[in-house]
Amino acid sequence: MRIFTKEFWSERDVELLIGKLLRYGVMLACGITLFGGIIYLFQNHGATIEHYKPIPDELPFPGAEQYLRELSTMLPRVLSFDGAAIIQLGVCVLIATPIIRVAFSAVAFLIEKDYLYVVITLIVLAIIIANMLLGLH
């Protein structure tokens, strides 16, 4: 397979692959979000703008519903075609796209046997993942 050869992972090929990865990730996220937005509009067609005004004692923007804050509670709602959950899935795909790009870069550097950049890229990936898992709620 050509993908595991050093010639394939020459700088030009890797840059093109990373560009495609980012492009397709953003397009996928936009498609999911658009689909979720259309479903959301159909599900909430009778709601008026007054329904969404915050109560004066609350924060101006209360944030997302609790079930939209974790993948374990969001994914079942995506499968039941909840518009808000599908929109949130699109946002998750958008956030995951550059993270996948960093992981892909680490693999590319490993195949190229550029170990210094492998270590640097893995440190960056570890920082990103640690911030996602240990961030303030």
Foldseek 3Di string as FASTA:
>chain_A
DVCLDLVCLPPVNLVVVLVVLLVVLLVVLVVLLVQLVVLQCVVCVPDDPVVVQDDVVDDRDNDDDPLLPDPVSLVVVVVVSNSVSSNSVSVVSNVCSVLVSLVVVLVSCVSNVVVVSNVVSVVVSVVVVCCVVVPDD
